[in-house]
Amino acid sequence: MVFCIRKAVFTDDHECIKNIGQQIKSLGVPIELGLPFDFYNSFQAIKRWLPRLAEELRDHSVPCIAIHAPEGPVVTYQPEDFLDWAHDIGDLSNKVGARMIIFHPQRASMIDDDEALALLSSNIKSLQQETTATVVLETFSGGERFNYKCLAAARLPLCLDTSHMGHKDAVTLVEKRHDQIKHVHLSEAQGRVTHRPVGKEGKAVMKRLAELRWDGTVCIEYLDRYVKEMIEDCKWLTGIYGDI
C-alpha cells in the first residue's frame, strides 16, 4: 500500500500558487491534492493556474499520489460535456504523475438512475483513455449522490471513503468488492462530524484490507485542523502496511 495525506488548494488566485510546492514539500509525506470543492463552477478561474501548480509540484519533486476534484457534472449525455472540464484534471494528473483521480458521483436531474449510471460509466471510461491515472468514484451512503451500492453493482472503480459510510457498510464493501476498491479515504465520523482521526474502526478496515493483500493507495483525509495527526498517521501506517 502507498499512503498520503490530503492537501487542499482553496485559492483561485494565481499569485497564491507561488512557493506552494515548497510549502507542500515541507510536510515530508506524499499528498492527495484537493482542488477547490466547487471546482466546476469556478473552473474558468481555476484552470488558468493549473499549469503553474503542476510546475510547482514538479520543480519541488512533490510526490502527488492522487488528485481529488470532487464537484461537477459527471453524468452528461455527451462525453465531451464531461471531458470539457475533466480533461484539465486528467492533464494535471499526467503532469504530476498522480496515480488516482477521484470524483464525487453526482446524480443528474431528469435522468433515471439506470440511464445515468450508464452515462457515468461511459464518461469515466472516456477520461480514463486520456490519463495514466486510475479514475475512481467516491463512496457515499446516498442523498444527492449515487450510493456505493449502485456504483459497486455497476462495477465502477471505487474510492472507499470510511467517513461517508457506516462502519458496517464499509467492512461489507471491503469483503465483497475489494477488487473494485482502488483508493481509500481514511478517517472516522463521530456523530455528524466526519473526517476525524482514525480510531478502532478505521484501523479495523486497514487490517482487513491488509489481510486480503489489497495493494492500492490510501489518503489520510482528516479535517485541516488535524494536519499534525495526518502526518503522524501517514508515517505510522506506512511503517505497518507500506510494503504490502
C-alpha atoms as a PDB file:
ATOM      1  CA  MET A   1       0.000   0.000   0.000  1.00  0.00           C
ATOM      2  CA  VAL A   2       1.010   3.610  -0.569  1.00  0.00           C
ATOM      3  CA  PHE A   3      -0.113   6.288   1.903  1.00  0.00           C
ATOM      4  CA  CYS A   4      -0.540  10.037   1.560  1.00  0.00           C
ATOM      5  CA  ILE A   5      -2.346  12.923   3.249  1.00  0.00           C
ATOM      6  CA  ARG A   6      -4.969  15.320   1.969  1.00  0.00           C
ATOM      7  CA  LYS A   7      -3.636  18.722   0.998  1.00  0.00           C
ATOM      8  CA  ALA A   8      -6.327  21.089  -0.252  1.00  0.00           C
ATOM      9  CA  VAL A   9      -5.814  24.089  -2.503  1.00  0.00           C
ATOM     10  CA  PHE A  10      -8.598  26.577  -1.875  1.00  0.00           C
ATOM     11  CA  THR A  11      -7.485  29.602  -3.832  1.00  0.00           C
ATOM     12  CA  ASP A  12      -8.306  30.747  -7.351  1.00  0.00           C
ATOM     13  CA  ASP A  13      -5.534  33.350  -7.087  1.00  0.00           C
ATOM     14  CA  HIS A  14      -2.573  32.579  -9.341  1.00  0.00           C
ATOM     15  CA  GLU A  15      -0.254  34.561  -7.066  1.00  0.00           C
ATOM     16  CA  CYS A  16      -1.005  32.251  -4.148  1.00  0.00           C
ATOM     17  CA  ILE A  17       0.340  29.290  -6.123  1.00  0.00           C
ATOM     18  CA  LYS A  18       3.853  30.713  -5.938  1.00  0.00           C
ATOM     19  CA  ASN A  19       6.001  28.715  -3.488  1.00  0.00           C
ATOM     20  CA  ILE A  20       3.203  26.235  -2.801  1.00  0.00           C
ATOM     21  CA  GLY A  21       5.491  23.439  -3.956  1.00  0.00           C
ATOM     22  CA  GLN A  22       8.000  24.213  -1.209  1.00  0.00           C
ATOM     23  CA  GLN A  23       5.205  24.502   1.357  1.00  0.00           C
ATOM     24  CA  ILE A  24       3.840  21.084   0.472  1.00  0.00           C
ATOM     25  CA  LYS A  25       7.296  19.514   0.220  1.00  0.00           C
ATOM     26  CA  SER A  26       7.991  20.633   3.793  1.00  0.00           C
ATOM     27  CA  LEU A  27       5.182  18.376   5.046  1.00  0.00           C
ATOM     28  CA  GLY A  28       7.517  15.457   4.490  1.00  0.00           C
ATOM     29  CA  VAL A  29       4.898  12.985   3.193  1.00  0.00           C
ATOM     30  CA  PRO A  30       3.162  12.260  -0.130  1.00  0.00           C
ATOM     31  CA  ILE A  31      -0.100  14.084  -0.806  1.00  0.00           C
ATOM     32  CA  GLU A  32      -3.509  13.803  -2.375  1.00  0.00           C
ATOM     33  CA  LEU A  33      -4.086  17.205  -3.966  1.00  0.00           C
ATOM     34  CA  GLY A  34      -7.560  18.512  -3.215  1.00  0.00           C
ATOM     35  CA  LEU A  35      -8.773  21.014  -5.797  1.00  0.00           C
ATOM     36  CA  PRO A  36     -11.410  23.560  -4.692  1.00  0.00           C
ATOM     37  CA  PHE A  37     -14.675  21.875  -3.684  1.00  0.00           C
ATOM     38  CA  ASP A  38     -16.741  23.915  -6.107  1.00  0.00           C
ATOM     39  CA  PHE A  39     -14.268  23.209  -8.875  1.00  0.00           C
ATOM     40  CA  TYR A  40     -16.703  23.152 -11.769  1.00  0.00           C
ATOM     41  CA  ASN A  41     -18.410  26.491 -11.052  1.00  0.00           C
ATOM     42  CA  SER A  42     -15.001  28.140 -10.578  1.00  0.00           C
ATOM     43  CA  PHE A  43     -13.440  26.296 -13.478  1.00  0.00           C
ATOM     44  CA  GLN A  44     -12.575  29.202 -15.787  1.00  0.00           C
ATOM     45  CA  ALA A  45     -10.737  30.993 -12.981  1.00  0.00           C
ATOM     46  CA  ILE A  46      -9.029  27.876 -11.692  1.00  0.00           C
ATOM     47  CA  LYS A  47      -7.847  26.366 -14.990  1.00  0.00           C
ATOM     48  CA  ARG A  48      -5.536  29.340 -15.587  1.00  0.00           C
ATOM     49  CA  TRP A  49      -3.293  28.363 -12.695  1.00  0.00           C
ATOM     50  CA  LEU A  50      -3.302  24.576 -13.124  1.00  0.00           C
ATOM     51  CA  PRO A  51      -0.157  24.612 -15.326  1.00  0.00           C
ATOM     52  CA  ARG A  52       1.668  26.725 -12.733  1.00  0.00           C
ATOM     53  CA  LEU A  53       0.509  24.386  -9.967  1.00  0.00           C
ATOM     54  CA  ALA A  54       1.892  21.420 -11.905  1.00  0.00           C
ATOM     55  CA  GLU A  55       5.218  23.232 -12.326  1.00  0.00           C
ATOM     56  CA  GLU A  56       5.424  23.956  -8.608  1.00  0.00           C
ATOM     57  CA  LEU A  57       4.852  20.329  -7.685  1.00  0.00           C
ATOM     58  CA  ARG A  58       7.305  19.028 -10.278  1.00  0.00           C
ATOM     59  CA  ASP A  59      10.003  21.607  -9.512  1.00  0.00           C
ATOM     60  CA  HIS A  60       9.982  20.617  -5.844  1.00  0.00           C
ATOM     61  CA  SER A  61       9.613  16.877  -6.520  1.00  0.00           C
ATOM     62  CA  VAL A  62       6.385  16.691  -4.503  1.00  0.00           C
ATOM     63  CA  PRO A  63       5.071  13.113  -4.503  1.00  0.00           C
ATOM     64  CA  CYS A  64       1.437  13.603  -5.592  1.00  0.00           C
ATOM     65  CA  ILE A  65      -0.352  10.270  -5.294  1.00  0.00           C
ATOM     66  CA  ALA A  66      -3.866  11.438  -6.192  1.00  0.00           C
ATOM     67  CA  ILE A  67      -5.966  14.400  -7.296  1.00  0.00           C
ATOM     68  CA  HIS A  68      -9.385  14.999  -5.781  1.00  0.00           C
ATOM     69  CA  ALA A  69     -11.667  17.133  -7.979  1.00  0.00           C
ATOM     70  CA  PRO A  70     -14.964  16.462  -6.269  1.00  0.00           C
ATOM     71  CA  GLU A  71     -17.868  18.543  -7.534  1.00  0.00           C
ATOM     72  CA  GLY A  72     -19.036  18.809 -11.122  1.00  0.00           C
ATOM     73  CA  PRO A  73     -21.368  17.205 -13.663  1.00  0.00           C
ATOM     74  CA  VAL A  74     -20.124  13.639 -14.101  1.00  0.00           C
ATOM     75  CA  VAL A  75     -23.371  12.466 -15.743  1.00  0.00           C
ATOM     76  CA  THR A  76     -23.763  14.030 -19.215  1.00  0.00           C
ATOM     77  CA  TYR A  77     -25.352  12.776 -22.437  1.00  0.00           C
ATOM     78  CA  GLN A  78     -22.229  13.578 -24.405  1.00  0.00           C
ATOM     79  CA  PRO A  79     -18.788  12.559 -23.086  1.00  0.00           C
ATOM     80  CA  GLU A  80     -17.442  15.830 -24.492  1.00  0.00           C
ATOM     81  CA  ASP A  81     -19.506  17.787 -21.952  1.00  0.00           C
ATOM     82  CA  PHE A  82     -17.767  15.921 -19.139  1.00  0.00           C
ATOM     83  CA  LEU A  83     -14.348  15.971 -20.745  1.00  0.00           C
ATOM     84  CA  ASP A  84     -14.637  19.719 -21.353  1.00  0.00           C
ATOM     85  CA  TRP A  85     -13.740  20.252 -17.712  1.00  0.00           C
ATOM     86  CA  ALA A  86     -12.426  16.848 -16.603  1.00  0.00           C
ATOM     87  CA  HIS A  87      -9.767  16.835 -19.331  1.00  0.00           C
ATOM     88  CA  ASP A  88      -7.791  19.534 -17.482  1.00  0.00           C
ATOM     89  CA  ILE A  89      -7.773  17.408 -14.341  1.00  0.00           C
ATOM     90  CA  GLY A  90      -6.521  14.441 -16.320  1.00  0.00           C
ATOM     91  CA  ASP A  91      -3.828  16.630 -17.868  1.00  0.00           C
ATOM     92  CA  LEU A  92      -2.760  17.865 -14.421  1.00  0.00           C
ATOM     93  CA  SER A  93      -2.622  14.278 -13.214  1.00  0.00           C
ATOM     94  CA  ASN A  94      -0.382  13.260 -16.091  1.00  0.00           C
ATOM     95  CA  LYS A  95       1.981  16.166 -15.452  1.00  0.00           C
ATOM     96  CA  VAL A  96       2.449  15.453 -11.728  1.00  0.00           C
ATOM     97  CA  GLY A  97       2.423  11.654 -12.025  1.00  0.00           C
ATOM     98  CA  ALA A  98      -0.671  11.058  -9.893  1.00  0.00           C
ATOM     99  CA  ARG A  99      -1.937   7.502  -9.629  1.00  0.00           C
ATOM    100  CA  MET A 100      -5.571   8.324  -8.889  1.00  0.00           C
ATOM    101  CA  ILE A 101      -8.241  10.877  -9.832  1.00  0.00           C
ATOM    102  CA  ILE A 102     -11.265  10.979  -7.535  1.00  0.00           C
ATOM    103  CA  PHE A 103     -14.714  12.348  -8.372  1.00  0.00           C
ATOM    104  CA  HIS A 104     -17.922  12.631  -6.386  1.00  0.00           C
ATOM    105  CA  PRO A 105     -20.721  10.597  -8.068  1.00  0.00           C
ATOM    106  CA  GLN A 106     -23.338  13.309  -8.575  1.00  0.00           C
ATOM    107  CA  ARG A 107     -26.806  12.280  -9.669  1.00  0.00           C
ATOM    108  CA  ALA A 108     -28.375  14.075 -12.650  1.00  0.00           C
ATOM    109  CA  SER A 109     -31.810  15.654 -12.586  1.00  0.00           C
ATOM    110  CA  MET A 110     -34.357  14.482 -15.171  1.00  0.00           C
ATOM    111  CA  ILE A 111     -32.391  11.270 -15.880  1.00  0.00           C
ATOM    112  CA  ASP A 112     -33.365   7.982 -14.245  1.00  0.00           C
ATOM    113  CA  ASP A 113     -30.658   6.235 -12.273  1.00  0.00           C
ATOM    114  CA  ASP A 114     -30.123   3.294 -14.649  1.00  0.00           C
ATOM    115  CA  GLU A 115     -29.529   5.568 -17.624  1.00  0.00           C
ATOM    116  CA  ALA A 116     -27.447   7.939 -15.517  1.00  0.00           C
ATOM    117  CA  LEU A 117     -25.198   5.124 -14.309  1.00  0.00           C
ATOM    118  CA  ALA A 118     -24.612   4.038 -17.892  1.00  0.00           C
ATOM    119  CA  LEU A 119     -23.697   7.605 -18.880  1.00  0.00           C
ATOM    120  CA  LEU A 120     -21.472   7.934 -15.804  1.00  0.00           C
ATOM    121  CA  SER A 121     -19.647   4.731 -16.692  1.00  0.00           C
ATOM    122  CA  SER A 122     -19.141   5.920 -20.273  1.00  0.00           C
ATOM    123  CA  ASN A 123     -17.764   9.271 -19.130  1.00  0.00           C
ATOM    124  CA  ILE A 124     -15.332   7.700 -16.683  1.00  0.00           C
ATOM    125  CA  LYS A 125     -14.057   5.370 -19.399  1.00  0.00           C
ATOM    126  CA  SER A 126     -13.614   8.313 -21.775  1.00  0.00           C
ATOM    127  CA  LEU A 127     -11.456  10.182 -19.263  1.00  0.00           C
ATOM    128  CA  GLN A 128      -9.549   7.005 -18.441  1.00  0.00           C
ATOM    129  CA  GLN A 129      -8.363   6.902 -22.046  1.00  0.00           C
ATOM    130  CA  GLU A 130      -6.740  10.324 -21.607  1.00  0.00           C
ATOM    131  CA  THR A 131      -4.839   9.754 -18.386  1.00  0.00           C
ATOM    132  CA  THR A 132      -2.393   7.284 -16.903  1.00  0.00           C
ATOM    133  CA  ALA A 133      -4.090   7.649 -13.501  1.00  0.00           C
ATOM    134  CA  THR A 134      -6.947   5.411 -12.399  1.00  0.00           C
ATOM    135  CA  VAL A 135     -10.241   7.323 -12.338  1.00  0.00           C
ATOM    136  CA  VAL A 136     -12.414   6.414  -9.352  1.00  0.00           C
ATOM    137  CA  LEU A 137     -15.704   7.435  -7.741  1.00  0.00           C
ATOM    138  CA  GLU A 138     -16.039   8.124  -4.030  1.00  0.00           C
ATOM    139  CA  THR A 139     -18.438   6.078  -1.925  1.00  0.00           C
ATOM    140  CA  PHE A 140     -21.426   7.691  -0.198  1.00  0.00           C
ATOM    141  CA  SER A 141     -24.424   6.284   1.604  1.00  0.00           C
ATOM    142  CA  GLY A 142     -26.844   8.184  -0.639  1.00  0.00           C
ATOM    143  CA  GLY A 143     -28.569  11.555  -0.848  1.00  0.00           C
ATOM    144  CA  GLU A 144     -27.882  13.678  -3.915  1.00  0.00           C
ATOM    145  CA  ARG A 145     -25.089  11.338  -4.959  1.00  0.00           C
ATOM    146  CA  PHE A 146     -25.250   7.746  -6.140  1.00  0.00           C
ATOM    147  CA  ASN A 147     -24.820   5.442  -3.182  1.00  0.00           C
ATOM    148  CA  TYR A 148     -21.980   2.968  -3.040  1.00  0.00           C
ATOM    149  CA  LYS A 149     -24.286   0.008  -3.761  1.00  0.00           C
ATOM    150  CA  CYS A 150     -25.232   1.443  -7.167  1.00  0.00           C
ATOM    151  CA  LEU A 151     -21.596   2.129  -8.036  1.00  0.00           C
ATOM    152  CA  ALA A 152     -20.490  -1.312  -6.894  1.00  0.00           C
ATOM    153  CA  ALA A 153     -23.266  -3.071  -8.828  1.00  0.00           C
ATOM    154  CA  ALA A 154     -22.251  -1.140 -11.957  1.00  0.00           C
ATOM    155  CA  ARG A 155     -18.679  -2.435 -11.482  1.00  0.00           C
ATOM    156  CA  LEU A 156     -17.247   1.077 -11.362  1.00  0.00           C
ATOM    157  CA  PRO A 157     -13.807   1.666  -9.791  1.00  0.00           C
ATOM    158  CA  LEU A 158     -14.220   2.932  -6.228  1.00  0.00           C
ATOM    159  CA  CYS A 159     -12.635   5.192  -3.653  1.00  0.00           C
ATOM    160  CA  LEU A 160     -13.781   3.822  -0.303  1.00  0.00           C
ATOM    161  CA  ASP A 161     -14.479   6.772   2.000  1.00  0.00           C
ATOM    162  CA  THR A 162     -14.796   5.482   5.544  1.00  0.00           C
ATOM    163  CA  SER A 163     -16.359   8.732   6.829  1.00  0.00           C
ATOM    164  CA  HIS A 164     -19.167   8.761   4.271  1.00  0.00           C
ATOM    165  CA  MET A 165     -20.342   5.244   5.063  1.00  0.00           C
ATOM    166  CA  GLY A 166     -21.254   3.425   8.221  1.00  0.00           C
ATOM    167  CA  HIS A 167     -18.527   1.117   9.527  1.00  0.00           C
ATOM    168  CA  LYS A 168     -20.617  -1.997   8.899  1.00  0.00           C
ATOM    169  CA  ASP A 169     -21.202  -0.967   5.272  1.00  0.00           C
ATOM    170  CA  ALA A 170     -17.518  -0.168   4.787  1.00  0.00           C
ATOM    171  CA  VAL A 171     -16.497  -3.588   6.075  1.00  0.00           C
ATOM    172  CA  THR A 172     -19.095  -5.293   3.856  1.00  0.00           C
ATOM    173  CA  LEU A 173     -17.802  -3.420   0.814  1.00  0.00           C
ATOM    174  CA  VAL A 174     -14.246  -4.449   1.621  1.00  0.00           C
ATOM    175  CA  GLU A 175     -15.271  -8.089   1.953  1.00  0.00           C
ATOM    176  CA  LYS A 176     -17.383  -8.249  -1.202  1.00  0.00           C
ATOM    177  CA  ARG A 177     -15.844  -5.660  -3.520  1.00  0.00           C
ATOM    178  CA  HIS A 178     -12.239  -5.125  -2.507  1.00  0.00           C
ATOM    179  CA  ASP A 179     -11.215  -5.817  -6.107  1.00  0.00           C
ATOM    180  CA  GLN A 180     -13.166  -2.700  -7.162  1.00  0.00           C
ATOM    181  CA  ILE A 181     -11.629  -0.531  -4.437  1.00  0.00           C
ATOM    182  CA  LYS A 182      -8.602   1.243  -5.913  1.00  0.00           C
ATOM    183  CA  HIS A 183      -8.175   4.063  -3.395  1.00  0.00           C
ATOM    184  CA  VAL A 184      -9.229   4.768   0.196  1.00  0.00           C
ATOM    185  CA  HIS A 185     -10.086   7.987   2.021  1.00  0.00           C
ATOM    186  CA  LEU A 186      -9.339   7.022   5.594  1.00  0.00           C
ATOM    187  CA  SER A 187     -10.896   8.843   8.553  1.00  0.00           C
ATOM    188  CA  GLU A 188     -13.726   8.371  11.026  1.00  0.00           C
ATOM    189  CA  ALA A 189     -17.060  10.017  11.697  1.00  0.00           C
ATOM    190  CA  GLN A 190     -18.273  10.862  15.183  1.00  0.00           C
ATOM    191  CA  GLY A 191     -21.914  11.789  15.094  1.00  0.00           C
ATOM    192  CA  ARG A 192     -22.356  14.321  12.296  1.00  0.00           C
ATOM    193  CA  VAL A 193     -18.690  15.313  12.295  1.00  0.00           C
ATOM    194  CA  THR A 194     -16.786  13.497   9.566  1.00  0.00           C
ATOM    195  CA  HIS A 195     -13.102  13.256   8.712  1.00  0.00           C
ATOM    196  CA  ARG A 196     -11.763  12.911  12.226  1.00  0.00           C
ATOM    197  CA  PRO A 197      -8.603  10.902  13.037  1.00  0.00           C
ATOM    198  CA  VAL A 198      -8.924   7.136  12.775  1.00  0.00           C
ATOM    199  CA  GLY A 199      -9.815   5.033  15.793  1.00  0.00           C
ATOM    200  CA  LYS A 200     -10.552   1.345  16.118  1.00  0.00           C
ATOM    201  CA  GLU A 201     -12.998   1.257  13.182  1.00  0.00           C
ATOM    202  CA  GLY A 202     -10.585   2.770  10.683  1.00  0.00           C
ATOM    203  CA  LYS A 203      -7.798   0.555  11.943  1.00  0.00           C
ATOM    204  CA  ALA A 204     -10.042  -2.498  11.522  1.00  0.00           C
ATOM    205  CA  VAL A 205     -10.672  -1.571   7.879  1.00  0.00           C
ATOM    206  CA  MET A 206      -6.950  -1.250   7.208  1.00  0.00           C
ATOM    207  CA  LYS A 207      -6.214  -4.530   8.955  1.00  0.00           C
ATOM    208  CA  ARG A 208      -8.780  -6.370   6.847  1.00  0.00           C
ATOM    209  CA  LEU A 209      -7.511  -4.826   3.600  1.00  0.00           C
ATOM    210  CA  ALA A 210      -4.021  -5.979   4.524  1.00  0.00           C
ATOM    211  CA  GLU A 211      -5.280  -9.492   5.235  1.00  0.00           C
ATOM    212  CA  LEU A 212      -6.838  -9.519   1.759  1.00  0.00           C
ATOM    213  CA  ARG A 213      -3.477  -8.451   0.301  1.00  0.00           C
ATOM    214  CA  TRP A 214      -5.038  -5.307  -1.105  1.00  0.00           C
ATOM    215  CA  ASP A 215      -2.310  -3.095  -2.570  1.00  0.00           C
ATOM    216  CA  GLY A 216      -3.963   0.197  -3.508  1.00  0.00           C
ATOM    217  CA  THR A 217      -3.402   3.772  -2.368  1.00  0.00           C
ATOM    218  CA  VAL A 218      -4.698   5.374   0.825  1.00  0.00           C
ATOM    219  CA  CYS A 219      -5.232   9.047   1.661  1.00  0.00           C
ATOM    220  CA  ILE A 220      -5.380  10.071   5.318  1.00  0.00           C
ATOM    221  CA  GLU A 221      -8.229  12.559   4.936  1.00  0.00           C
ATOM    222  CA  TYR A 222      -8.778  14.484   8.169  1.00  0.00           C
ATOM    223  CA  LEU A 223     -10.116  17.967   8.762  1.00  0.00           C
ATOM    224  CA  ASP A 224      -7.461  20.632   8.243  1.00  0.00           C
ATOM    225  CA  ARG A 225      -7.061  21.218  11.955  1.00  0.00           C
ATOM    226  CA  TYR A 226      -5.618  17.707  12.220  1.00  0.00           C
ATOM    227  CA  VAL A 227      -2.606  18.257   9.964  1.00  0.00           C
ATOM    228  CA  LYS A 228      -0.167  17.006  12.607  1.00  0.00           C
ATOM    229  CA  GLU A 229      -2.228  13.871  13.143  1.00  0.00           C
ATOM    230  CA  MET A 230      -2.473  13.254   9.390  1.00  0.00           C
ATOM    231  CA  ILE A 231       1.300  13.363   9.005  1.00  0.00           C
ATOM    232  CA  GLU A 232       1.872  11.153  12.048  1.00  0.00           C
ATOM    233  CA  ASP A 233      -0.711   8.574  10.979  1.00  0.00           C
ATOM    234  CA  CYS A 234       0.583   8.546   7.405  1.00  0.00           C
ATOM    235  CA  LYS A 235       4.071   7.671   8.638  1.00  0.00           C
ATOM    236  CA  TRP A 236       2.718   5.183  11.177  1.00  0.00           C
ATOM    237  CA  LEU A 237       0.546   3.334   8.646  1.00  0.00           C
ATOM    238  CA  THR A 238       3.351   3.331   6.072  1.00  0.00           C
ATOM    239  CA  GLY A 239       5.535   1.639   8.656  1.00  0.00           C
ATOM    240  CA  ILE A 240       2.943  -1.098   9.168  1.00  0.00           C
ATOM    241  CA  TYR A 241       1.459  -1.637   5.703  1.00  0.00           C
ATOM    242  CA  GLY A 242       3.771   0.182   3.319  1.00  0.00           C
ATOM    243  CA  ASP A 243       5.329  -2.983   1.962  1.00  0.00           C
ATOM    244  CA  ILE A 244       2.041  -4.665   1.034  1.00  0.00           C
END
